[in-house]
Amino acid sequence: MSIFSKEFWAERDVELFIGKLLRYGVMISCAITLFGGVIYLYQMHGQSMAHYKPIPDDLPFPGVEYYLRELSTIIPRVLSFDGAAIIQLGVCVLIATPIFRVAFSVIGFLIEKDYMYVVITLIVLCIIIANMLLGLH
């Protein structure tokens, strides 16, 4: 049975597919993050002790390195097996998983010809994407 057939969407297969999409997205994200964590510990901190120093209350949280803040700078570092970048890619996959679920729901509602839910789901998708692209720094 094709994913784009009416029979697929008429049955409860779409809910099962979306459930699998979410489950596999989280599992893949966990695997990427775990792999990145192992690489990170091996490369940077396998032999050293952690030295924690308190951050004064009047200073903002320093955050992560600049190259870990954008996908365009993460990917080249992932290809060079940078552990922190691999961990960040795992986080990006985790964030993308429910977004793919919403996008897949739009396709499902289009095939079902339920146009009111297509519009509502597209509005939700646009809000999510706008917040990602135009979010405050």
Foldseek 3Di string as FASTA:
>chain_A
DDPLDPVCLVDCNLVVVLVVLLVVLLVVLVVLLVQLVVLQCVPPPVPHDDDDDDDDPVDDDPDDDPLLPDPVSLVVVVVVSNSVSSNSVSVVSNVCSVLVSLVVVLSSCVSVVVVVVNVVSVVVSVVVVCCVVVPDD
